Amino acid sequence: MRHLIHRLSLVVALLLLAAPAAQAQFNLLPEIRGGVGMRGVDGGGNLFDPNRIGDANVELLFAVPDLNAWSVIGELRPHLGATMSFRGQDSYGYAGLSWTFQAPVLPLFVEASAGGVVRSAMFSAPQNDPARNFGCGVGLRVAGSVGVNLPLGASLIGTVEHLPDFGTCGVTRANTNVGVRLGFRF
């Protein structure tokens, strides 16, 4: 057992030493975003009420050089994110593909994203609950964002996302959410 631990430690140390050299050639994780949001904005009410904020979001955007060969304008990047509710609602994780178009002269960009989502109810709901159905526990996520590039690789991003339920879990589950995030490019 002791030899196995020493060998694993040696492999981890070698990988850590090799990481700066590999990172100089290619940056796999060029952007991290984080922020807050509110759910159910399609139900009306005051969007500027700070008491409606109930979610925290973090998102990682990855770089895949060969993927951008498919995009004539803009940048295609896979993303992985999570939204955690601090108001007792479902939390969810999502993954997909984002297309970002940078305005030619202005420090503005727009972004469209699509992918899949898995809600925490998928695992916590009772066995025959509709929350475990496709469209409810596992479904789609589409989002649109507008951002402003700030100094030092930062950006301020406003996002609208929609998680459709395809009628599988009732009107109250499909929702449209808005959020504000701060992004950092490396």
N, C-alpha and C. Protein backbone atom coordinates (compact mmCIF):
# COMPACT_ATOMS: atom_id res chain seq x y z
N MET A 1 0.83 -1.19 0.00
CA MET A 1 0.00 0.00 0.00
C MET A 1 0.88 1.25 0.00
N ARG A 2 1.94 1.22 0.76
CA ARG A 2 2.84 2.37 0.87
C ARG A 2 3.48 2.68 -0.48
N HIS A 3 3.86 1.63 -1.22
CA HIS A 3 4.49 1.82 -2.53
C HIS A 3 3.50 2.44 -3.52
N LEU A 4 2.24 2.03 -3.42
CA LEU A 4 1.21 2.58 -4.30
C LEU A 4 1.04 4.08 -4.04
N ILE A 5 1.02 4.48 -2.79
CA ILE A 5 0.88 5.89 -2.44
C ILE A 5 2.07 6.69 -2.95
N HIS A 6 3.28 6.15 -2.81
CA HIS A 6 4.47 6.83 -3.31
C HIS A 6 4.43 6.98 -4.83
N ARG A 7 3.99 5.94 -5.53
CA ARG A 7 3.91 6.00 -6.99
C ARG A 7 2.86 7.02 -7.44
N LEU A 8 1.72 7.02 -6.78
CA LEU A 8 0.69 8.00 -7.12
C LEU A 8 1.17 9.41 -6.85
N SER A 9 1.88 9.61 -5.77
CA SER A 9 2.43 10.94 -5.44
C SER A 9 3.43 11.37 -6.50
N LEU A 10 4.24 10.46 -6.97
CA LEU A 10 5.22 10.76 -8.01
C LEU A 10 4.52 11.14 -9.32
N VAL A 11 3.48 10.41 -9.68
CA VAL A 11 2.73 10.72 -10.91
C VAL A 11 2.07 12.09 -10.80
N VAL A 12 1.45 12.40 -9.68
CA VAL A 12 0.82 13.72 -9.49
C VAL A 12 1.86 14.82 -9.56
N ALA A 13 3.02 14.63 -8.94
CA ALA A 13 4.08 15.64 -8.98
C ALA A 13 4.57 15.87 -10.40
N LEU A 14 4.75 14.81 -11.17
CA LEU A 14 5.19 14.95 -12.56
C LEU A 14 4.14 15.67 -13.41
N LEU A 15 2.87 15.36 -13.17
CA LEU A 15 1.81 16.06 -13.91
C LEU A 15 1.78 17.54 -13.57
N LEU A 16 1.97 17.87 -12.30
CA LEU A 16 1.98 19.27 -11.90
C LEU A 16 3.18 20.01 -12.49
N LEU A 17 4.31 19.35 -12.60
CA LEU A 17 5.48 19.97 -13.21
C LEU A 17 5.29 20.17 -14.71
N ALA A 18 4.58 19.26 -15.36
CA ALA A 18 4.36 19.35 -16.79
C ALA A 18 3.23 20.32 -17.14
N ALA A 19 2.37 20.64 -16.20
CA ALA A 19 1.22 21.50 -16.48
C ALA A 19 1.60 22.89 -16.96
N PRO A 20 2.57 23.60 -16.36
CA PRO A 20 2.89 24.93 -16.88
C PRO A 20 3.37 24.91 -18.33
N ALA A 21 4.14 23.90 -18.72
CA ALA A 21 4.60 23.81 -20.10
C ALA A 21 3.43 23.57 -21.05
N ALA A 22 2.51 22.71 -20.67
CA ALA A 22 1.34 22.45 -21.52
C ALA A 22 0.42 23.66 -21.55
N GLN A 23 0.30 24.36 -20.44
CA GLN A 23 -0.58 25.52 -20.37
C GLN A 23 -0.06 26.66 -21.23
N ALA A 24 1.23 26.76 -21.40
CA ALA A 24 1.79 27.81 -22.24
C ALA A 24 1.38 27.61 -23.70
N GLN A 25 1.15 26.37 -24.11
CA GLN A 25 0.76 26.08 -25.48
C GLN A 25 -0.75 26.20 -25.67
N PHE A 26 -1.53 25.82 -24.69
CA PHE A 26 -2.97 25.74 -24.85
C PHE A 26 -3.65 25.93 -23.51
N ASN A 27 -4.61 26.83 -23.44
CA ASN A 27 -5.34 27.11 -22.21
C ASN A 27 -6.70 26.44 -22.29
N LEU A 28 -6.87 25.32 -21.60
CA LEU A 28 -8.11 24.55 -21.66
C LEU A 28 -9.28 25.28 -21.02
N LEU A 29 -9.04 26.04 -19.95
CA LEU A 29 -10.10 26.73 -19.22
C LEU A 29 -9.85 28.24 -19.27
N PRO A 30 -10.27 28.89 -20.37
CA PRO A 30 -9.96 30.30 -20.50
C PRO A 30 -10.91 31.25 -19.77
N GLU A 31 -12.08 30.76 -19.28
CA GLU A 31 -13.02 31.69 -18.65
C GLU A 31 -13.83 31.01 -17.54
N ILE A 32 -13.99 31.75 -16.44
CA ILE A 32 -14.84 31.35 -15.32
C ILE A 32 -15.81 32.49 -15.05
N ARG A 33 -17.08 32.13 -14.83
CA ARG A 33 -18.11 33.13 -14.54
C ARG A 33 -18.84 32.77 -13.26
N GLY A 34 -19.30 33.78 -12.56
CA GLY A 34 -20.08 33.55 -11.35
C GLY A 34 -21.01 34.73 -11.10
N GLY A 35 -22.16 34.47 -10.50
CA GLY A 35 -23.09 35.55 -10.23
C GLY A 35 -24.33 35.10 -9.50
N VAL A 36 -25.37 35.94 -9.56
CA VAL A 36 -26.63 35.69 -8.88
C VAL A 36 -27.77 35.78 -9.89
N GLY A 37 -28.90 35.17 -9.53
CA GLY A 37 -30.05 35.21 -10.42
C GLY A 37 -31.36 35.06 -9.69
N MET A 38 -32.42 35.23 -10.46
CA MET A 38 -33.77 35.06 -9.93
C MET A 38 -34.58 34.19 -10.88
N ARG A 39 -35.48 33.41 -10.33
CA ARG A 39 -36.27 32.45 -11.10
C ARG A 39 -37.67 32.97 -11.39
N GLY A 40 -38.27 32.36 -12.40
CA GLY A 40 -39.68 32.60 -12.68
C GLY A 40 -40.01 34.00 -13.13
N VAL A 41 -39.17 34.63 -13.91
CA VAL A 41 -39.45 35.99 -14.34
C VAL A 41 -40.57 36.03 -15.36
N ASP A 42 -40.90 34.88 -15.96
CA ASP A 42 -42.01 34.84 -16.91
C ASP A 42 -43.35 34.94 -16.19
N GLY A 43 -43.35 34.84 -14.87
CA GLY A 43 -44.57 34.96 -14.08
C GLY A 43 -44.93 36.39 -13.73
N GLY A 44 -44.13 37.36 -14.17
CA GLY A 44 -44.41 38.77 -13.89
C GLY A 44 -43.76 39.22 -12.60
N GLY A 45 -44.19 40.35 -12.11
CA GLY A 45 -43.63 40.91 -10.90
C GLY A 45 -42.52 41.90 -11.20
N ASN A 46 -41.95 42.46 -10.16
CA ASN A 46 -40.91 43.47 -10.29
C ASN A 46 -39.54 42.81 -10.44
N LEU A 47 -38.91 42.99 -11.60
CA LEU A 47 -37.60 42.39 -11.84
C LEU A 47 -36.50 43.06 -11.03
N PHE A 48 -36.72 44.28 -10.58
CA PHE A 48 -35.69 45.01 -9.87
C PHE A 48 -35.80 44.88 -8.36
N ASP A 49 -36.63 43.97 -7.89
CA ASP A 49 -36.78 43.72 -6.46
C ASP A 49 -35.66 42.79 -5.99
N PRO A 50 -34.73 43.28 -5.14
CA PRO A 50 -33.62 42.43 -4.70
C PRO A 50 -34.05 41.24 -3.86
N ASN A 51 -35.27 41.26 -3.33
CA ASN A 51 -35.76 40.12 -2.54
C ASN A 51 -36.05 38.90 -3.41
N ARG A 52 -36.11 39.06 -4.74
CA ARG A 52 -36.36 37.93 -5.64
C ARG A 52 -35.09 37.14 -5.94
N ILE A 53 -33.93 37.70 -5.64
CA ILE A 53 -32.67 37.00 -5.92
C ILE A 53 -32.59 35.79 -5.00
N GLY A 54 -32.44 34.59 -5.60
CA GLY A 54 -32.42 33.38 -4.80
C GLY A 54 -31.47 32.31 -5.29
N ASP A 55 -30.66 32.62 -6.29
CA ASP A 55 -29.76 31.62 -6.86
C ASP A 55 -28.34 32.16 -6.97
N ALA A 56 -27.39 31.25 -6.88
CA ALA A 56 -25.98 31.56 -7.16
C ALA A 56 -25.55 30.65 -8.31
N ASN A 57 -24.80 31.20 -9.24
CA ASN A 57 -24.41 30.46 -10.43
C ASN A 57 -22.91 30.52 -10.63
N VAL A 58 -22.34 29.41 -11.10
CA VAL A 58 -20.95 29.37 -11.52
C VAL A 58 -20.90 28.61 -12.84
N GLU A 59 -20.06 29.10 -13.76
CA GLU A 59 -19.98 28.47 -15.08
C GLU A 59 -18.53 28.47 -15.55
N LEU A 60 -18.11 27.37 -16.13
CA LEU A 60 -16.78 27.22 -16.70
C LEU A 60 -16.93 27.10 -18.21
N LEU A 61 -16.15 27.88 -18.96
CA LEU A 61 -16.14 27.79 -20.42
C LEU A 61 -14.79 27.27 -20.85
N PHE A 62 -14.80 26.26 -21.70
CA PHE A 62 -13.58 25.59 -22.12
C PHE A 62 -13.22 25.98 -23.55
N ALA A 63 -11.96 25.81 -23.90
CA ALA A 63 -11.48 26.10 -25.25
C ALA A 63 -11.14 24.79 -25.95
N VAL A 64 -11.69 24.62 -27.13
CA VAL A 64 -11.37 23.48 -27.97
C VAL A 64 -11.02 24.05 -29.34
N PRO A 65 -9.74 24.16 -29.69
CA PRO A 65 -9.33 24.85 -30.91
C PRO A 65 -10.00 24.33 -32.18
N ASP A 66 -10.13 23.04 -32.35
CA ASP A 66 -10.73 22.50 -33.56
C ASP A 66 -12.21 22.82 -33.68
N LEU A 67 -12.87 23.12 -32.56
CA LEU A 67 -14.29 23.43 -32.59
C LEU A 67 -14.55 24.76 -33.28
N ASN A 68 -13.63 25.72 -33.17
CA ASN A 68 -13.82 27.03 -33.80
C ASN A 68 -13.69 26.99 -35.31
N ALA A 69 -13.19 25.91 -35.87
CA ALA A 69 -13.15 25.77 -37.32
C ALA A 69 -14.57 25.68 -37.89
N TRP A 70 -15.55 25.31 -37.07
CA TRP A 70 -16.94 25.20 -37.50
C TRP A 70 -17.66 26.53 -37.46
N SER A 71 -17.11 27.52 -36.80
CA SER A 71 -17.77 28.82 -36.65
C SER A 71 -17.13 29.85 -37.58
N VAL A 72 -17.93 30.40 -38.48
CA VAL A 72 -17.43 31.41 -39.41
C VAL A 72 -17.12 32.70 -38.66
N ILE A 73 -18.05 33.12 -37.82
CA ILE A 73 -17.82 34.29 -36.97
C ILE A 73 -18.10 33.89 -35.53
N GLY A 74 -17.37 34.42 -34.64
CA GLY A 74 -17.58 34.12 -33.23
C GLY A 74 -16.72 32.98 -32.75
N GLU A 75 -17.02 32.54 -31.55
CA GLU A 75 -16.22 31.52 -30.87
C GLU A 75 -17.17 30.48 -30.28
N LEU A 76 -16.94 29.21 -30.59
CA LEU A 76 -17.70 28.11 -30.02
C LEU A 76 -16.92 27.51 -28.86
N ARG A 77 -17.60 27.38 -27.71
CA ARG A 77 -16.92 26.82 -26.53
C ARG A 77 -17.89 25.94 -25.75
N PRO A 78 -17.43 24.76 -25.33
CA PRO A 78 -18.24 23.95 -24.41
C PRO A 78 -18.30 24.63 -23.05
N HIS A 79 -19.43 24.46 -22.37
CA HIS A 79 -19.56 25.03 -21.02
C HIS A 79 -20.10 23.98 -20.06
N LEU A 80 -19.80 24.21 -18.79
CA LEU A 80 -20.26 23.36 -17.69
C LEU A 80 -20.60 24.31 -16.55
N GLY A 81 -21.81 24.19 -16.01
CA GLY A 81 -22.21 25.13 -14.97
C GLY A 81 -23.14 24.51 -13.94
N ALA A 82 -23.38 25.28 -12.89
CA ALA A 82 -24.29 24.86 -11.83
C ALA A 82 -24.97 26.09 -11.24
N THR A 83 -26.24 25.93 -10.93
CA THR A 83 -27.01 26.97 -10.25
C THR A 83 -27.52 26.37 -8.96
N MET A 84 -27.16 27.01 -7.85
CA MET A 84 -27.55 26.54 -6.52
C MET A 84 -28.59 27.50 -5.94
N SER A 85 -29.70 26.93 -5.49
CA SER A 85 -30.75 27.73 -4.88
C SER A 85 -30.49 27.86 -3.39
N PHE A 86 -30.60 29.07 -2.88
CA PHE A 86 -30.53 29.24 -1.44
C PHE A 86 -31.89 29.66 -0.88
N ARG A 87 -32.96 29.29 -1.63
CA ARG A 87 -34.34 29.53 -1.20
C ARG A 87 -35.17 28.27 -1.17
N GLY A 88 -34.52 27.10 -1.18
CA GLY A 88 -35.24 25.84 -1.07
C GLY A 88 -35.78 25.28 -2.38
N GLN A 89 -35.46 25.88 -3.52
CA GLN A 89 -35.90 25.34 -4.79
C GLN A 89 -34.85 24.35 -5.32
N ASP A 90 -35.19 23.71 -6.46
CA ASP A 90 -34.23 22.77 -7.06
C ASP A 90 -32.96 23.49 -7.46
N SER A 91 -31.84 22.85 -7.23
CA SER A 91 -30.58 23.28 -7.82
C SER A 91 -30.38 22.46 -9.08
N TYR A 92 -29.52 22.91 -9.97
CA TYR A 92 -29.31 22.14 -11.20
C TYR A 92 -27.92 22.36 -11.76
N GLY A 93 -27.48 21.35 -12.50
CA GLY A 93 -26.23 21.42 -13.23
C GLY A 93 -26.53 21.35 -14.71
N TYR A 94 -25.69 21.96 -15.52
CA TYR A 94 -25.94 21.97 -16.96
C TYR A 94 -24.63 21.92 -17.73
N ALA A 95 -24.73 21.50 -18.97
CA ALA A 95 -23.59 21.44 -19.86
C ALA A 95 -24.09 21.62 -21.28
N GLY A 96 -23.23 22.15 -22.14
CA GLY A 96 -23.64 22.36 -23.52
C GLY A 96 -22.58 23.10 -24.30
N LEU A 97 -23.04 23.87 -25.27
CA LEU A 97 -22.17 24.59 -26.17
C LEU A 97 -22.61 26.05 -26.23
N SER A 98 -21.65 26.96 -26.14
CA SER A 98 -21.92 28.40 -26.22
C SER A 98 -21.26 28.99 -27.45
N TRP A 99 -21.97 29.87 -28.13
CA TRP A 99 -21.43 30.60 -29.27
C TRP A 99 -21.37 32.08 -28.87
N THR A 100 -20.18 32.66 -28.91
CA THR A 100 -19.97 34.05 -28.49
C THR A 100 -19.53 34.87 -29.69
N PHE A 101 -20.22 36.00 -29.92
CA PHE A 101 -19.86 36.92 -30.99
C PHE A 101 -19.44 38.25 -30.37
N GLN A 102 -18.21 38.64 -30.61
CA GLN A 102 -17.65 39.90 -30.12
C GLN A 102 -17.92 41.00 -31.14
N ALA A 103 -18.48 42.13 -30.70
CA ALA A 103 -18.68 43.27 -31.60
C ALA A 103 -17.33 43.76 -32.10
N PRO A 104 -17.23 44.15 -33.38
CA PRO A 104 -15.93 44.50 -33.96
C PRO A 104 -15.20 45.65 -33.28
N VAL A 105 -15.88 46.72 -32.92
CA VAL A 105 -15.21 47.90 -32.37
C VAL A 105 -15.55 48.12 -30.90
N LEU A 106 -16.75 47.83 -30.53
CA LEU A 106 -17.22 48.08 -29.17
C LEU A 106 -16.80 46.96 -28.23
N PRO A 107 -16.74 47.23 -26.93
CA PRO A 107 -16.40 46.18 -25.96
C PRO A 107 -17.61 45.34 -25.56
N LEU A 108 -18.50 45.05 -26.50
CA LEU A 108 -19.73 44.31 -26.25
C LEU A 108 -19.68 42.95 -26.93
N PHE A 109 -20.38 41.98 -26.35
CA PHE A 109 -20.54 40.68 -26.99
C PHE A 109 -21.91 40.13 -26.70
N VAL A 110 -22.37 39.24 -27.57
CA VAL A 110 -23.62 38.51 -27.37
C VAL A 110 -23.27 37.03 -27.40
N GLU A 111 -24.11 36.25 -26.72
CA GLU A 111 -23.83 34.83 -26.62
C GLU A 111 -25.12 34.04 -26.62
N ALA A 112 -25.12 32.91 -27.30
CA ALA A 112 -26.25 31.98 -27.31
C ALA A 112 -25.72 30.63 -26.81
N SER A 113 -26.48 29.98 -25.96
CA SER A 113 -26.07 28.69 -25.38
C SER A 113 -27.22 27.71 -25.45
N ALA A 114 -26.88 26.45 -25.63
CA ALA A 114 -27.87 25.38 -25.61
C ALA A 114 -27.20 24.14 -25.04
N GLY A 115 -28.00 23.33 -24.36
CA GLY A 115 -27.46 22.11 -23.79
C GLY A 115 -28.47 21.38 -22.94
N GLY A 116 -27.97 20.51 -22.09
CA GLY A 116 -28.82 19.72 -21.21
C GLY A 116 -28.71 20.17 -19.77
N VAL A 117 -29.71 19.82 -18.98
CA VAL A 117 -29.76 20.18 -17.57
C VAL A 117 -30.20 18.97 -16.76
N VAL A 118 -29.67 18.85 -15.55
CA VAL A 118 -30.10 17.83 -14.60
C VAL A 118 -30.42 18.55 -13.30
N ARG A 119 -31.66 18.40 -12.85
CA ARG A 119 -32.11 19.06 -11.62
C ARG A 119 -31.91 18.14 -10.42
N SER A 120 -31.75 18.76 -9.25
CA SER A 120 -31.55 17.97 -8.03
C SER A 120 -32.76 17.10 -7.71
N ALA A 121 -33.97 17.48 -8.18
CA ALA A 121 -35.17 16.68 -7.94
C ALA A 121 -35.07 15.31 -8.61
N MET A 122 -34.23 15.20 -9.61
CA MET A 122 -34.03 13.92 -10.29
C MET A 122 -33.58 12.85 -9.30
N PHE A 123 -32.85 13.27 -8.28
CA PHE A 123 -32.31 12.33 -7.30
C PHE A 123 -33.06 12.35 -5.97
N SER A 124 -33.71 13.48 -5.65
CA SER A 124 -34.33 13.61 -4.34
C SER A 124 -35.83 13.34 -4.34
N ALA A 125 -36.47 13.35 -5.49
CA ALA A 125 -37.92 13.12 -5.55
C ALA A 125 -38.23 11.65 -5.32
N PRO A 126 -39.45 11.34 -4.84
CA PRO A 126 -39.85 9.93 -4.68
C PRO A 126 -39.78 9.18 -6.01
N GLN A 127 -39.74 7.87 -5.95
CA GLN A 127 -39.47 7.03 -7.13
C GLN A 127 -40.41 7.30 -8.31
N ASN A 128 -41.71 7.42 -8.12
CA ASN A 128 -42.65 7.59 -9.24
C ASN A 128 -43.07 9.04 -9.44
N ASP A 129 -42.37 9.98 -8.85
CA ASP A 129 -42.70 11.40 -8.97
C ASP A 129 -42.39 11.89 -10.40
N PRO A 130 -43.25 12.78 -10.96
CA PRO A 130 -42.98 13.32 -12.30
C PRO A 130 -41.67 14.09 -12.39
N ALA A 131 -41.12 14.52 -11.25
CA ALA A 131 -39.86 15.27 -11.26
C ALA A 131 -38.71 14.43 -11.78
N ARG A 132 -38.89 13.12 -11.89
CA ARG A 132 -37.84 12.25 -12.42
C ARG A 132 -37.98 12.04 -13.94
N ASN A 133 -39.02 12.59 -14.55
CA ASN A 133 -39.26 12.40 -15.98
C ASN A 133 -38.33 13.26 -16.83
N PHE A 134 -38.16 12.84 -18.09
CA PHE A 134 -37.45 13.69 -19.05
C PHE A 134 -38.26 14.97 -19.21
N GLY A 135 -37.58 16.08 -19.25
CA GLY A 135 -38.25 17.37 -19.33
C GLY A 135 -38.39 18.00 -17.96
N CYS A 136 -38.37 17.18 -16.95
CA CYS A 136 -38.53 17.68 -15.59
C CYS A 136 -37.21 17.54 -14.84
N GLY A 137 -36.80 16.31 -14.56
CA GLY A 137 -35.54 16.07 -13.87
C GLY A 137 -34.34 16.21 -14.78
N VAL A 138 -34.48 15.75 -16.01
CA VAL A 138 -33.44 15.87 -17.03
C VAL A 138 -34.09 16.54 -18.23
N GLY A 139 -33.50 17.59 -18.74
CA GLY A 139 -34.12 18.30 -19.85
C GLY A 139 -33.16 19.17 -20.61
N LEU A 140 -33.70 20.20 -21.21
CA LEU A 140 -32.93 21.13 -22.02
C LEU A 140 -32.78 22.47 -21.33
N ARG A 141 -31.74 23.19 -21.73
CA ARG A 141 -31.50 24.55 -21.26
C ARG A 141 -31.04 25.38 -22.45
N VAL A 142 -31.70 26.51 -22.68
CA VAL A 142 -31.26 27.47 -23.68
C VAL A 142 -31.08 28.80 -22.98
N ALA A 143 -30.07 29.57 -23.43
CA ALA A 143 -29.78 30.85 -22.77
C ALA A 143 -29.24 31.85 -23.78
N GLY A 144 -29.46 33.10 -23.48
CA GLY A 144 -28.90 34.19 -24.25
C GLY A 144 -28.28 35.20 -23.30
N SER A 145 -27.15 35.77 -23.70
CA SER A 145 -26.44 36.72 -22.84
C SER A 145 -25.97 37.91 -23.63
N VAL A 146 -25.85 39.04 -22.94
CA VAL A 146 -25.22 40.25 -23.47
C VAL A 146 -24.19 40.65 -22.45
N GLY A 147 -22.98 40.95 -22.91
CA GLY A 147 -21.92 41.27 -21.98
C GLY A 147 -21.11 42.48 -22.40
N VAL A 148 -20.44 43.05 -21.42
CA VAL A 148 -19.54 44.19 -21.62
C VAL A 148 -18.17 43.76 -21.12
N ASN A 149 -17.16 43.92 -21.98
CA ASN A 149 -15.79 43.61 -21.58
C ASN A 149 -15.25 44.73 -20.70
N LEU A 150 -14.67 44.36 -19.58
CA LEU A 150 -14.09 45.30 -18.63
C LEU A 150 -12.57 45.15 -18.67
N PRO A 151 -11.84 46.03 -18.05
CA PRO A 151 -10.37 45.90 -18.02
C PRO A 151 -9.92 44.62 -17.32
N LEU A 152 -8.70 44.21 -17.61
CA LEU A 152 -8.02 43.08 -16.98
C LEU A 152 -8.70 41.74 -17.24
N GLY A 153 -9.34 41.57 -18.40
CA GLY A 153 -9.95 40.30 -18.76
C GLY A 153 -11.26 40.00 -18.08
N ALA A 154 -11.86 40.97 -17.43
CA ALA A 154 -13.14 40.76 -16.76
C ALA A 154 -14.28 41.15 -17.69
N SER A 155 -15.48 40.68 -17.39
CA SER A 155 -16.66 41.05 -18.15
C SER A 155 -17.88 41.02 -17.23
N LEU A 156 -18.86 41.87 -17.53
CA LEU A 156 -20.13 41.91 -16.83
C LEU A 156 -21.18 41.39 -17.79
N ILE A 157 -21.95 40.37 -17.38
CA ILE A 157 -22.82 39.63 -18.29
C ILE A 157 -24.23 39.56 -17.72
N GLY A 158 -25.21 39.92 -18.53
CA GLY A 158 -26.62 39.72 -18.21
C GLY A 158 -27.12 38.52 -18.99
N THR A 159 -27.80 37.59 -18.33
CA THR A 159 -28.22 36.33 -18.96
C THR A 159 -29.69 36.06 -18.73
N VAL A 160 -30.36 35.56 -19.76
CA VAL A 160 -31.73 35.05 -19.66
C VAL A 160 -31.66 33.58 -20.08
N GLU A 161 -32.19 32.70 -19.24
CA GLU A 161 -32.19 31.27 -19.57
C GLU A 161 -33.60 30.72 -19.45
N HIS A 162 -33.87 29.69 -20.24
CA HIS A 162 -35.17 29.03 -20.19
C HIS A 162 -34.96 27.54 -20.08
N LEU A 163 -35.67 26.92 -19.15
CA LEU A 163 -35.61 25.48 -18.93
C LEU A 163 -37.01 24.92 -19.20
N PRO A 164 -37.27 24.49 -20.44
CA PRO A 164 -38.61 23.99 -20.76
C PRO A 164 -38.85 22.63 -20.12
N ASP A 165 -40.13 22.34 -19.85
CA ASP A 165 -40.47 21.03 -19.26
C ASP A 165 -41.30 20.18 -20.21
N PHE A 166 -41.66 20.71 -21.37
CA PHE A 166 -42.42 19.97 -22.39
C PHE A 166 -43.73 19.43 -21.84
N GLY A 167 -44.27 20.07 -20.79
CA GLY A 167 -45.54 19.66 -20.21
C GLY A 167 -45.47 18.41 -19.35
N THR A 168 -44.28 17.92 -19.05
CA THR A 168 -44.17 16.67 -18.30
C THR A 168 -44.31 16.84 -16.80
N CYS A 169 -44.14 18.06 -16.31
CA CYS A 169 -44.22 18.21 -14.85
C CYS A 169 -45.03 19.43 -14.43
N GLY A 170 -45.90 19.92 -15.29
CA GLY A 170 -46.78 21.01 -14.91
C GLY A 170 -46.24 22.37 -15.27
N VAL A 171 -47.11 23.35 -15.25
CA VAL A 171 -46.75 24.70 -15.66
C VAL A 171 -45.73 25.33 -14.72
N THR A 172 -45.75 24.97 -13.44
CA THR A 172 -44.88 25.64 -12.48
C THR A 172 -43.42 25.24 -12.62
N ARG A 173 -43.10 24.15 -13.32
CA ARG A 173 -41.71 23.71 -13.40
C ARG A 173 -40.93 24.36 -14.54
N ALA A 174 -41.57 24.59 -15.70
CA ALA A 174 -40.87 25.27 -16.79
C ALA A 174 -40.69 26.71 -16.37
N ASN A 175 -39.45 27.21 -16.43
CA ASN A 175 -39.26 28.57 -15.97
C ASN A 175 -38.22 29.31 -16.79
N THR A 176 -38.34 30.62 -16.72
CA THR A 176 -37.39 31.53 -17.35
C THR A 176 -36.71 32.30 -16.23
N ASN A 177 -35.40 32.30 -16.24
CA ASN A 177 -34.61 32.91 -15.17
C ASN A 177 -33.72 34.00 -15.74
N VAL A 178 -33.41 35.00 -14.94
CA VAL A 178 -32.46 36.04 -15.33
C VAL A 178 -31.36 36.12 -14.28
N GLY A 179 -30.20 36.56 -14.73
CA GLY A 179 -29.09 36.67 -13.80
C GLY A 179 -28.05 37.66 -14.28
N VAL A 180 -27.18 38.04 -13.36
CA VAL A 180 -26.06 38.91 -13.64
C VAL A 180 -24.81 38.17 -13.16
N ARG A 181 -23.80 38.12 -14.03
CA ARG A 181 -22.58 37.39 -13.68
C ARG A 181 -21.36 38.25 -14.00
N LEU A 182 -20.28 37.91 -13.33
CA LEU A 182 -18.98 38.52 -13.58
C LEU A 182 -18.09 37.41 -14.13
N GLY A 183 -17.45 37.67 -15.28
CA GLY A 183 -16.60 36.66 -15.90
C GLY A 183 -15.15 37.08 -15.85
N PHE A 184 -14.27 36.09 -15.81
CA PHE A 184 -12.82 36.35 -15.81
C PHE A 184 -12.16 35.45 -16.85
N ARG A 185 -11.48 36.08 -17.83
CA ARG A 185 -10.72 35.35 -18.85
C ARG A 185 -9.27 35.27 -18.42
N PHE A 186 -8.68 34.11 -18.69
CA PHE A 186 -7.27 33.90 -18.33
C PHE A 186 -6.41 33.88 -19.57
